[in-house]
PDB file of N, CA and C in Angstrom:
ATOM      1  N   MET A   1       9.415   9.736 -24.788  1.00  0.00           N
ATOM      2  CA  MET A   1       9.950   9.018 -23.998  1.00  0.00           C
ATOM      3  C   MET A   1       9.066   7.406 -23.546  1.00  0.00           C
ATOM      4  N   PRO A   2      10.208   6.330 -23.254  1.00  0.00           N
ATOM      5  CA  PRO A   2      10.053   5.286 -23.261  1.00  0.00           C
ATOM      6  C   PRO A   2       8.925   4.893 -22.056  1.00  0.00           C
ATOM      7  N   SER A   3       8.245   4.102 -21.600  1.00  0.00           N
ATOM      8  CA  SER A   3       7.695   3.895 -20.763  1.00  0.00           C
ATOM      9  C   SER A   3       8.435   3.065 -19.657  1.00  0.00           C
ATOM     10  N   SER A   4       8.349   3.686 -18.683  1.00  0.00           N
ATOM     11  CA  SER A   4       9.568   3.097 -17.519  1.00  0.00           C
ATOM     12  C   SER A   4       8.402   1.816 -16.273  1.00  0.00           C
ATOM     13  N   LYS A   5       7.275   1.280 -16.933  1.00  0.00           N
ATOM     14  CA  LYS A   5       6.615   0.783 -16.722  1.00  0.00           C
ATOM     15  C   LYS A   5       7.066  -0.882 -16.951  1.00  0.00           C
ATOM     16  N   PRO A   6       7.114  -1.956 -15.932  1.00  0.00           N
ATOM     17  CA  PRO A   6       7.266  -3.146 -15.955  1.00  0.00           C
ATOM     18  C   PRO A   6       6.662  -3.386 -17.311  1.00  0.00           C
ATOM     19  N   GLY A   7       7.174  -4.605 -17.870  1.00  0.00           N
ATOM     20  CA  GLY A   7       6.418  -5.196 -19.081  1.00  0.00           C
ATOM     21  C   GLY A   7       6.105  -6.276 -18.464  1.00  0.00           C
ATOM     22  N   PRO A   8       5.006  -7.620 -19.178  1.00  0.00           N
ATOM     23  CA  PRO A   8       4.328  -8.553 -18.838  1.00  0.00           C
ATOM     24  C   PRO A   8       5.530  -9.622 -18.332  1.00  0.00           C
ATOM     25  N   ASP A   9       6.759  -9.434 -19.116  1.00  0.00           N
ATOM     26  CA  ASP A   9       7.411 -10.610 -18.992  1.00  0.00           C
ATOM     27  C   ASP A   9       8.726  -9.940 -17.255  1.00  0.00           C
ATOM     28  N   GLU A  10       8.330  -8.877 -16.864  1.00  0.00           N
ATOM     29  CA  GLU A  10       9.313  -8.260 -15.978  1.00  0.00           C
ATOM     30  C   GLU A  10       8.182  -8.393 -14.250  1.00  0.00           C
ATOM     31  N   ALA A  11       6.950  -8.426 -14.682  1.00  0.00           N
ATOM     32  CA  ALA A  11       6.230  -8.417 -13.060  1.00  0.00           C
ATOM     33  C   ALA A  11       5.349  -9.970 -13.169  1.00  0.00           C
ATOM     34  N   ALA A  12       4.753 -10.380 -12.434  1.00  0.00           N
ATOM     35  CA  ALA A  12       4.338 -10.721 -11.529  1.00  0.00           C
ATOM     36  C   ALA A  12       2.683 -11.204 -12.340  1.00  0.00           C
ATOM     37  N   SER A  13       1.954 -11.788 -13.046  1.00  0.00           N
ATOM     38  CA  SER A  13       0.519 -11.381 -13.513  1.00  0.00           C
ATOM     39  C   SER A  13      -0.197 -10.694 -12.362  1.00  0.00           C
ATOM     40  N   TYR A  14      -0.407 -10.942 -11.227  1.00  0.00           N
ATOM     41  CA  TYR A  14      -0.909 -10.707 -10.459  1.00  0.00           C
ATOM     42  C   TYR A  14      -1.110  -9.079 -10.483  1.00  0.00           C
ATOM     43  N   TYR A  15       0.235  -9.088 -10.704  1.00  0.00           N
ATOM     44  CA  TYR A  15       0.012  -7.040 -10.369  1.00  0.00           C
ATOM     45  C   TYR A  15       0.346  -6.629 -11.761  1.00  0.00           C
ATOM     46  N   LEU A  16      -0.177  -7.106 -12.508  1.00  0.00           N
ATOM     47  CA  LEU A  16      -0.060  -6.639 -13.992  1.00  0.00           C
ATOM     48  C   LEU A  16      -1.718  -5.084 -14.360  1.00  0.00           C
ATOM     49  N   ASN A  17      -2.339  -5.729 -13.634  1.00  0.00           N
ATOM     50  CA  ASN A  17      -3.760  -5.300 -13.473  1.00  0.00           C
ATOM     51  C   ASN A  17      -3.188  -4.156 -13.027  1.00  0.00           C
ATOM     52  N   TYR A  18      -2.734  -4.029 -11.960  1.00  0.00           N
ATOM     53  CA  TYR A  18      -2.336  -2.569 -10.833  1.00  0.00           C
ATOM     54  C   TYR A  18      -1.143  -2.151 -11.453  1.00  0.00           C
ATOM     55  N   ILE A  19      -0.346  -2.025 -12.426  1.00  0.00           N
ATOM     56  CA  ILE A  19       0.393  -1.704 -12.982  1.00  0.00           C
ATOM     57  C   ILE A  19      -0.297  -0.885 -14.305  1.00  0.00           C
ATOM     58  N   ARG A  20      -1.237  -1.419 -14.841  1.00  0.00           N
ATOM     59  CA  ARG A  20      -2.364  -0.683 -15.576  1.00  0.00           C
ATOM     60  C   ARG A  20      -3.016   0.491 -15.257  1.00  0.00           C
ATOM     61  N   ARG A  21      -3.427   0.125 -14.176  1.00  0.00           N
ATOM     62  CA  ARG A  21      -4.376   0.854 -13.566  1.00  0.00           C
ATOM     63  C   ARG A  21      -3.598   2.543 -12.962  1.00  0.00           C
ATOM     64  N   ALA A  22      -2.450   2.448 -13.065  1.00  0.00           N
ATOM     65  CA  ALA A  22      -1.341   3.701 -12.410  1.00  0.00           C
ATOM     66  C   ALA A  22      -1.144   4.170 -13.678  1.00  0.00           C
ATOM     67  N   ASP A  23      -1.323   3.986 -15.006  1.00  0.00           N
ATOM     68  CA  ASP A  23      -1.090   4.947 -16.489  1.00  0.00           C
ATOM     69  C   ASP A  23      -0.887   6.047 -16.076  1.00  0.00           C
ATOM     70  N   GLY A  24      -0.252   6.846 -16.430  1.00  0.00           N
ATOM     71  CA  GLY A  24      -0.121   8.432 -16.096  1.00  0.00           C
ATOM     72  C   GLY A  24       0.129   9.048 -14.708  1.00  0.00           C
ATOM     73  N   VAL A  25       0.662   8.374 -13.742  1.00  0.00           N
ATOM     74  CA  VAL A  25       0.539   8.802 -12.139  1.00  0.00           C
ATOM     75  C   VAL A  25       2.157   8.478 -11.826  1.00  0.00           C
ATOM     76  N   SER A  26       2.380   9.464 -11.464  1.00  0.00           N
ATOM     77  CA  SER A  26       4.113   9.056 -10.300  1.00  0.00           C
ATOM     78  C   SER A  26       3.475   8.461  -9.448  1.00  0.00           C
ATOM     79  N   LEU A  27       4.702   7.610  -9.142  1.00  0.00           N
ATOM     80  CA  LEU A  27       4.729   7.356  -7.620  1.00  0.00           C
ATOM     81  C   LEU A  27       4.725   7.714  -6.663  1.00  0.00           C
ATOM     82  N   HIS A  28       5.346   9.016  -6.760  1.00  0.00           N
ATOM     83  CA  HIS A  28       5.217  10.147  -5.532  1.00  0.00           C
ATOM     84  C   HIS A  28       4.215  10.717  -5.685  1.00  0.00           C
ATOM     85  N   HIS A  29       3.075  11.013  -6.366  1.00  0.00           N
ATOM     86  CA  HIS A  29       2.039  11.519  -6.346  1.00  0.00           C
ATOM     87  C   HIS A  29       0.808  10.176  -5.476  1.00  0.00           C
ATOM     88  N   ALA A  30       0.722   9.309  -6.282  1.00  0.00           N
ATOM     89  CA  ALA A  30       0.256   8.156  -6.126  1.00  0.00           C
ATOM     90  C   ALA A  30       0.408   8.370  -4.588  1.00  0.00           C
ATOM     91  N   LEU A  31       1.553   7.742  -3.701  1.00  0.00           N
ATOM     92  CA  LEU A  31       1.878   7.527  -2.371  1.00  0.00           C
ATOM     93  C   LEU A  31       0.897   8.666  -1.585  1.00  0.00           C
ATOM     94  N   GLY A  32       1.485   9.672  -1.977  1.00  0.00           N
ATOM     95  CA  GLY A  32       0.692  11.246  -1.566  1.00  0.00           C
ATOM     96  C   GLY A  32      -0.519  11.311  -1.583  1.00  0.00           C
ATOM     97  N   HIS A  33      -1.080  10.904  -2.763  1.00  0.00           N
ATOM     98  CA  HIS A  33      -2.534  10.853  -2.548  1.00  0.00           C
ATOM     99  C   HIS A  33      -3.304   9.842  -1.577  1.00  0.00           C
ATOM    100  N   ALA A  34      -2.471   8.749  -1.794  1.00  0.00           N
ATOM    101  CA  ALA A  34      -3.187   7.886  -1.067  1.00  0.00           C
ATOM    102  C   ALA A  34      -3.177   8.017   0.683  1.00  0.00           C
ATOM    103  N   SER A  35      -1.847   8.608   0.997  1.00  0.00           N
ATOM    104  CA  SER A  35      -1.971   8.968   2.236  1.00  0.00           C
ATOM    105  C   SER A  35      -2.303  10.350   2.875  1.00  0.00           C
ATOM    106  N   ALA A  36      -3.047  11.089   2.343  1.00  0.00           N
ATOM    107  CA  ALA A  36      -3.869  12.032   2.519  1.00  0.00           C
ATOM    108  C   ALA A  36      -4.942  11.453   2.544  1.00  0.00           C
ATOM    109  N   LEU A  37      -5.656  10.857   1.584  1.00  0.00           N
ATOM    110  CA  LEU A  37      -7.115  10.483   1.379  1.00  0.00           C
ATOM    111  C   LEU A  37      -7.099   9.068   2.778  1.00  0.00           C
ATOM    112  N   LEU A  38      -6.497   8.415   3.394  1.00  0.00           N
ATOM    113  CA  LEU A  38      -6.351   7.473   4.520  1.00  0.00           C
ATOM    114  C   LEU A  38      -6.533   8.780   5.745  1.00  0.00           C
ATOM    115  N   HIS A  39      -5.673   9.376   5.497  1.00  0.00           N
ATOM    116  CA  HIS A  39      -5.647  10.345   6.658  1.00  0.00           C
ATOM    117  C   HIS A  39      -7.038  11.203   6.977  1.00  0.00           C
ATOM    118  N   LYS A  40      -7.384  11.732   6.126  1.00  0.00           N
ATOM    119  CA  LYS A  40      -8.549  12.033   5.492  1.00  0.00           C
ATOM    120  C   LYS A  40      -9.950  11.180   6.341  1.00  0.00           C
ATOM    121  N   THR A  41     -10.024   9.906   5.989  1.00  0.00           N
ATOM    122  CA  THR A  41     -10.475   9.473   6.268  1.00  0.00           C
ATOM    123  C   THR A  41     -10.896   8.608   8.155  1.00  0.00           C
ATOM    124  N   LEU A  42      -9.809   8.380   8.006  1.00  0.00           N
ATOM    125  CA  LEU A  42      -9.704   7.986   9.477  1.00  0.00           C
ATOM    126  C   LEU A  42      -9.628   9.306  10.915  1.00  0.00           C
ATOM    127  N   GLU A  43      -9.452  10.491  10.384  1.00  0.00           N
ATOM    128  CA  GLU A  43      -9.579  11.604  11.603  1.00  0.00           C
ATOM    129  C   GLU A  43     -11.137  11.675  12.102  1.00  0.00           C
ATOM    130  N   GLY A  44     -11.997  11.686  11.610  1.00  0.00           N
ATOM    131  CA  GLY A  44     -13.293  11.478  11.842  1.00  0.00           C
ATOM    132  C   GLY A  44     -13.705  10.321  12.435  1.00  0.00           C
ATOM    133  N   LEU A  45     -13.072   9.576  12.498  1.00  0.00           N
ATOM    134  CA  LEU A  45     -13.508   7.959  12.891  1.00  0.00           C
ATOM    135  C   LEU A  45     -13.384   8.401  14.687  1.00  0.00           C
ATOM    136  N   LYS A  46     -15.031   8.127  14.842  1.00  0.00           N
ATOM    137  CA  LYS A  46     -15.088   7.495  16.427  1.00  0.00           C
ATOM    138  C   LYS A  46     -13.952   6.859  17.012  1.00  0.00           C
ATOM    139  N   ALA A  47     -13.980   6.570  18.687  1.00  0.00           N
ATOM    140  CA  ALA A  47     -12.786   5.583  19.205  1.00  0.00           C
ATOM    141  C   ALA A  47     -13.598   4.115  19.300  1.00  0.00           C
ATOM    142  N   ASP A  48     -15.038   4.158  19.444  1.00  0.00           N
ATOM    143  CA  ASP A  48     -15.515   3.201  19.332  1.00  0.00           C
ATOM    144  C   ASP A  48     -15.633   2.660  18.201  1.00  0.00           C
ATOM    145  N   LYS A  49     -15.985   3.547  17.172  1.00  0.00           N
ATOM    146  CA  LYS A  49     -15.944   2.821  15.491  1.00  0.00           C
ATOM    147  C   LYS A  49     -14.860   2.380  15.503  1.00  0.00           C
ATOM    148  N   ALA A  50     -13.541   2.206  16.044  1.00  0.00           N
ATOM    149  CA  ALA A  50     -12.363   1.734  15.653  1.00  0.00           C
ATOM    150  C   ALA A  50     -12.512   0.180  16.017  1.00  0.00           C
ATOM    151  N   GLU A  51     -12.986   0.434  16.999  1.00  0.00           N
ATOM    152  CA  GLU A  51     -13.309  -1.805  17.383  1.00  0.00           C
ATOM    153  C   GLU A  51     -14.403  -2.268  16.597  1.00  0.00           C
ATOM    154  N   TYR A  52     -14.664  -1.231  16.124  1.00  0.00           N
ATOM    155  CA  TYR A  52     -15.742  -2.176  14.683  1.00  0.00           C
ATOM    156  C   TYR A  52     -15.319  -3.452  14.103  1.00  0.00           C
ATOM    157  N   ARG A  53     -16.100  -4.244  14.291  1.00  0.00           N
ATOM    158  CA  ARG A  53     -15.642  -5.559  13.461  1.00  0.00           C
ATOM    159  C   ARG A  53     -16.990  -6.164  12.987  1.00  0.00           C
ATOM    160  N   TYR A  54     -17.629  -6.372  11.702  1.00  0.00           N
ATOM    161  CA  TYR A  54     -18.442  -6.540  10.980  1.00  0.00           C
ATOM    162  C   TYR A  54     -19.515  -8.042  11.385  1.00  0.00           C
ATOM    163  N   ALA A  55     -18.622  -8.762  12.011  1.00  0.00           N
ATOM    164  CA  ALA A  55     -18.294 -10.683  12.605  1.00  0.00           C
ATOM    165  C   ALA A  55     -17.958 -10.934  13.015  1.00  0.00           C
ATOM    166  N   VAL A  56     -17.973 -11.749  14.389  1.00  0.00           N
ATOM    167  CA  VAL A  56     -17.268 -12.284  15.192  1.00  0.00           C
ATOM    168  C   VAL A  56     -15.861 -12.733  14.121  1.00  0.00           C
ATOM    169  N   GLY A  57     -14.890 -12.909  15.304  1.00  0.00           N
ATOM    170  CA  GLY A  57     -13.285 -13.306  14.489  1.00  0.00           C
ATOM    171  C   GLY A  57     -12.937 -12.189  13.261  1.00  0.00           C
ATOM    172  N   LYS A  58     -13.398 -11.355  12.776  1.00  0.00           N
ATOM    173  CA  LYS A  58     -12.855 -10.612  11.629  1.00  0.00           C
ATOM    174  C   LYS A  58     -12.475  -9.316  12.075  1.00  0.00           C
ATOM    175  N   TRP A  59     -11.300  -8.733  11.542  1.00  0.00           N
ATOM    176  CA  TRP A  59     -10.703  -7.435  11.531  1.00  0.00           C
ATOM    177  C   TRP A  59     -11.375  -6.369  12.009  1.00  0.00           C
ATOM    178  N   THR A  60     -10.884  -6.066  13.120  1.00  0.00           N
ATOM    179  CA  THR A  60     -11.567  -4.421  13.532  1.00  0.00           C
ATOM    180  C   THR A  60     -10.912  -3.475  12.665  1.00  0.00           C
ATOM    181  N   ILE A  61     -11.574  -2.479  12.572  1.00  0.00           N
ATOM    182  CA  ILE A  61     -10.289  -0.948  11.516  1.00  0.00           C
ATOM    183  C   ILE A  61      -8.910  -1.090  12.095  1.00  0.00           C
ATOM    184  N   LYS A  62      -8.797  -0.646  13.770  1.00  0.00           N
ATOM    185  CA  LYS A  62      -7.656  -0.856  13.900  1.00  0.00           C
ATOM    186  C   LYS A  62      -7.271  -1.736  13.706  1.00  0.00           C
ATOM    187  N   ASP A  63      -7.488  -3.128  13.519  1.00  0.00           N
ATOM    188  CA  ASP A  63      -6.541  -4.292  13.180  1.00  0.00           C
ATOM    189  C   ASP A  63      -5.916  -4.000  11.569  1.00  0.00           C
ATOM    190  N   ILE A  64      -6.869  -3.614  10.991  1.00  0.00           N
ATOM    191  CA  ILE A  64      -6.596  -3.204   9.609  1.00  0.00           C
ATOM    192  C   ILE A  64      -5.933  -1.910   9.794  1.00  0.00           C
ATOM    193  N   LEU A  65      -5.778  -0.978  10.289  1.00  0.00           N
ATOM    194  CA  LEU A  65      -4.788  -0.257  10.351  1.00  0.00           C
ATOM    195  C   LEU A  65      -3.282  -0.628  10.522  1.00  0.00           C
ATOM    196  N   GLN A  66      -3.112  -1.001  11.378  1.00  0.00           N
ATOM    197  CA  GLN A  66      -1.805  -2.022  12.140  1.00  0.00           C
ATOM    198  C   GLN A  66      -1.271  -2.627  11.152  1.00  0.00           C
ATOM    199  N   HIS A  67      -1.966  -3.527  10.140  1.00  0.00           N
ATOM    200  CA  HIS A  67      -1.854  -4.365   9.186  1.00  0.00           C
ATOM    201  C   HIS A  67      -1.280  -3.406   8.284  1.00  0.00           C
ATOM    202  N   LEU A  68      -1.435  -2.398   7.508  1.00  0.00           N
ATOM    203  CA  LEU A  68      -1.031  -1.394   6.557  1.00  0.00           C
ATOM    204  C   LEU A  68       0.110  -0.884   6.387  1.00  0.00           C
ATOM    205  N   ILE A  69      -0.004  -0.551   8.627  1.00  0.00           N
ATOM    206  CA  ILE A  69       1.318  -0.190   9.361  1.00  0.00           C
ATOM    207  C   ILE A  69       2.616  -0.936   9.208  1.00  0.00           C
ATOM    208  N   ASP A  70       2.547  -2.265   9.620  1.00  0.00           N
ATOM    209  CA  ASP A  70       3.122  -3.433   9.482  1.00  0.00           C
ATOM    210  C   ASP A  70       3.582  -3.973   7.857  1.00  0.00           C
ATOM    211  N   SER A  71       3.328  -3.395   7.125  1.00  0.00           N
ATOM    212  CA  SER A  71       3.097  -3.689   5.509  1.00  0.00           C
ATOM    213  C   SER A  71       4.271  -2.899   5.126  1.00  0.00           C
ATOM    214  N   GLU A  72       3.900  -1.721   5.291  1.00  0.00           N
ATOM    215  CA  GLU A  72       4.209  -0.591   5.029  1.00  0.00           C
ATOM    216  C   GLU A  72       6.182  -0.685   5.617  1.00  0.00           C
ATOM    217  N   ARG A  73       6.112  -1.154   6.626  1.00  0.00           N
ATOM    218  CA  ARG A  73       7.577  -1.197   7.114  1.00  0.00           C
ATOM    219  C   ARG A  73       8.581  -2.603   6.705  1.00  0.00           C
ATOM    220  N   VAL A  74       7.431  -3.479   6.140  1.00  0.00           N
ATOM    221  CA  VAL A  74       8.421  -4.639   5.380  1.00  0.00           C
ATOM    222  C   VAL A  74       8.858  -4.076   4.195  1.00  0.00           C
ATOM    223  N   PHE A  75       7.740  -3.373   3.642  1.00  0.00           N
ATOM    224  CA  PHE A  75       8.414  -2.816   1.923  1.00  0.00           C
ATOM    225  C   PHE A  75       9.091  -1.847   2.278  1.00  0.00           C
ATOM    226  N   ALA A  76       9.487  -1.192   3.112  1.00  0.00           N
ATOM    227  CA  ALA A  76      10.263   0.038   3.248  1.00  0.00           C
ATOM    228  C   ALA A  76      11.451  -0.680   3.714  1.00  0.00           C
ATOM    229  N   TYR A  77      11.909  -1.962   4.406  1.00  0.00           N
ATOM    230  CA  TYR A  77      13.158  -2.473   4.281  1.00  0.00           C
ATOM    231  C   TYR A  77      13.110  -3.235   3.370  1.00  0.00           C
ATOM    232  N   ARG A  78      12.361  -3.832   2.830  1.00  0.00           N
ATOM    233  CA  ARG A  78      12.912  -4.365   1.304  1.00  0.00           C
ATOM    234  C   ARG A  78      13.588  -4.001   0.821  1.00  0.00           C
ATOM    235  N   ALA A  79      13.062  -2.525   0.426  1.00  0.00           N
ATOM    236  CA  ALA A  79      13.183  -1.723  -0.272  1.00  0.00           C
ATOM    237  C   ALA A  79      14.823  -0.951  -0.218  1.00  0.00           C
ATOM    238  N   MET A  80      14.797  -0.999   1.081  1.00  0.00           N
ATOM    239  CA  MET A  80      16.399  -0.881   1.534  1.00  0.00           C
ATOM    240  C   MET A  80      17.046  -2.056   1.265  1.00  0.00           C
ATOM    241  N   CYS A  81      17.463  -3.176   1.250  1.00  0.00           N
ATOM    242  CA  CYS A  81      17.953  -4.458   1.057  1.00  0.00           C
ATOM    243  C   CYS A  81      18.395  -4.079  -0.570  1.00  0.00           C
ATOM    244  N   PHE A  82      17.175  -3.693  -1.399  1.00  0.00           N
ATOM    245  CA  PHE A  82      17.528  -3.672  -2.988  1.00  0.00           C
ATOM    246  C   PHE A  82      18.311  -2.843  -2.766  1.00  0.00           C
ATOM    247  N   ALA A  83      18.014  -1.279  -2.225  1.00  0.00           N
ATOM    248  CA  ALA A  83      18.974  -0.183  -2.612  1.00  0.00           C
ATOM    249  C   ALA A  83      20.066  -0.606  -2.192  1.00  0.00           C
ATOM    250  N   ARG A  84      20.385  -1.460  -1.318  1.00  0.00           N
ATOM    251  CA  ARG A  84      21.983  -1.461  -0.816  1.00  0.00           C
ATOM    252  C   ARG A  84      22.813  -3.390  -1.534  1.00  0.00           C
ATOM    253  N   HIS A  85      21.500  -3.895  -2.418  1.00  0.00           N
ATOM    254  CA  HIS A  85      22.284  -5.354  -2.829  1.00  0.00           C
ATOM    255  C   HIS A  85      22.428  -5.968  -1.855  1.00  0.00           C
ATOM    256  N   ASP A  86      21.435  -6.104  -0.731  1.00  0.00           N
ATOM    257  CA  ASP A  86      21.596  -7.038   0.320  1.00  0.00           C
ATOM    258  C   ASP A  86      20.731  -8.033  -0.293  1.00  0.00           C
ATOM    259  N   GLY A  87      21.555  -9.266  -0.108  1.00  0.00           N
ATOM    260  CA  GLY A  87      20.688 -10.643  -0.344  1.00  0.00           C
ATOM    261  C   GLY A  87      19.478 -11.227   0.069  1.00  0.00           C
ATOM    262  N   THR A  88      19.945 -10.683   1.796  1.00  0.00           N
ATOM    263  CA  THR A  88      18.849 -11.377   2.472  1.00  0.00           C
ATOM    264  C   THR A  88      17.664 -10.964   2.097  1.00  0.00           C
TER     265      THR A  88
END
């Protein structure tokens, strides 16, 4: 069965390392595993720790989590546009 991974001419060079690391893992499995791991990591987090930042002006754990949520929304919208052949 031919590989369904994009080749070097089909993806930006920045992403090729990530593509290589995903060898043998389905997207469905990887997303499920990442979601479960994040949930497990955050469920034991105390509320005061969510506001922790290692230096003034740096993001808190809550800031990082919100950034992940926002990014997921953007990627989901892009996927919908691709699926609908929407040029926006």
